[in-house]
Protein backbone atom coordinates (compact mmCIF):
# COMPACT_ATOMS: atom_id res chain seq x y z
CA UNK A 1 0.16 0.09 -0.10
CA UNK A 2 1.10 3.52 -0.64
CA UNK A 3 2.34 5.79 1.88
CA UNK A 4 -0.72 7.94 1.59
CA UNK A 5 -2.82 4.95 2.11
CA UNK A 6 -0.84 3.93 5.17
CA UNK A 7 -1.05 7.47 6.47
CA UNK A 8 -5.02 7.38 5.86
CA UNK A 9 -5.31 4.10 7.65
CA UNK A 10 -3.34 5.44 10.52
CA UNK A 11 -5.48 8.53 10.68
CA UNK A 12 -8.71 6.30 10.57
CA UNK A 13 -7.22 4.15 13.63
CA UNK A 14 -6.62 7.36 15.53
CA UNK A 15 -9.88 8.68 14.77
CA UNK A 16 -11.74 5.52 15.73
CA UNK A 17 -9.76 5.36 19.05
CA UNK A 18 -10.71 8.78 20.00
CA UNK A 19 -14.45 8.11 19.01
CA UNK A 20 -14.40 5.02 21.20
CA UNK A 21 -12.99 6.68 24.09
CA UNK A 22 -15.54 9.58 23.87
CA UNK A 23 -18.33 7.07 23.67
CA UNK A 24 -16.77 5.22 26.78
CA UNK A 25 -16.85 8.70 28.70
CA UNK A 26 -20.45 9.20 28.04
CA UNK A 27 -22.61 9.22 30.86
CA UNK A 28 -26.34 8.66 30.15
CA UNK A 29 -28.70 11.13 31.49
CA UNK A 30 -31.92 9.21 32.21
CA UNK A 31 -34.04 12.48 32.91
CA UNK A 32 -33.63 13.42 29.35
CA UNK A 33 -36.24 13.05 26.71
CA UNK A 34 -34.97 10.48 24.26
CA UNK A 35 -32.09 9.26 26.26
CA UNK A 36 -32.82 5.55 25.80
CA UNK A 37 -32.69 6.09 22.08
CA UNK A 38 -29.44 8.00 22.18
CA UNK A 39 -28.05 5.42 24.53
CA UNK A 40 -29.04 2.49 21.85
CA UNK A 41 -27.62 4.67 19.15
CA UNK A 42 -24.32 5.00 20.96
CA UNK A 43 -24.11 1.40 21.71
CA UNK A 44 -24.58 0.66 17.86
CA UNK A 45 -21.99 3.19 16.92
CA UNK A 46 -19.31 1.66 19.54
CA UNK A 47 -19.96 -1.63 17.78
CA UNK A 48 -19.56 -0.45 14.59
CA UNK A 49 -16.38 1.70 15.36
CA UNK A 50 -14.86 -1.51 17.22
CA UNK A 51 -15.42 -3.86 14.04
CA UNK A 52 -13.97 -0.97 11.76
CA UNK A 53 -11.05 -0.66 14.20
CA UNK A 54 -10.49 -4.28 14.28
CA UNK A 55 -10.45 -4.63 10.42
CA UNK A 56 -8.13 -1.67 10.08
CA UNK A 57 -5.69 -2.98 12.58
CA UNK A 58 -5.53 -6.42 10.92
CA UNK A 59 -5.15 -4.87 7.52
CA UNK A 60 -2.31 -2.65 9.14
CA UNK A 61 -0.67 -5.83 10.70
CA UNK A 62 -0.67 -7.64 7.11
CA UNK A 63 0.86 -4.65 5.34
CA UNK A 64 3.55 -4.38 7.88
CA UNK A 65 4.42 -8.20 7.46
CA UNK A 66 4.83 -7.72 3.75
């Protein structure tokens, strides 16, 4: 993969980690209207971010071995 591709992948990994950290810091506010939906959406976003992060890290490992 090109250096630009590597840079983009590393940037995406960094951004996903930041997103995951932010979601982990999120404190539910049960008194707010719509909080249950917000919490479900945050959980789904976390799952998607973790899945994407895993794929990018595996790709990064494969490219560093070749």
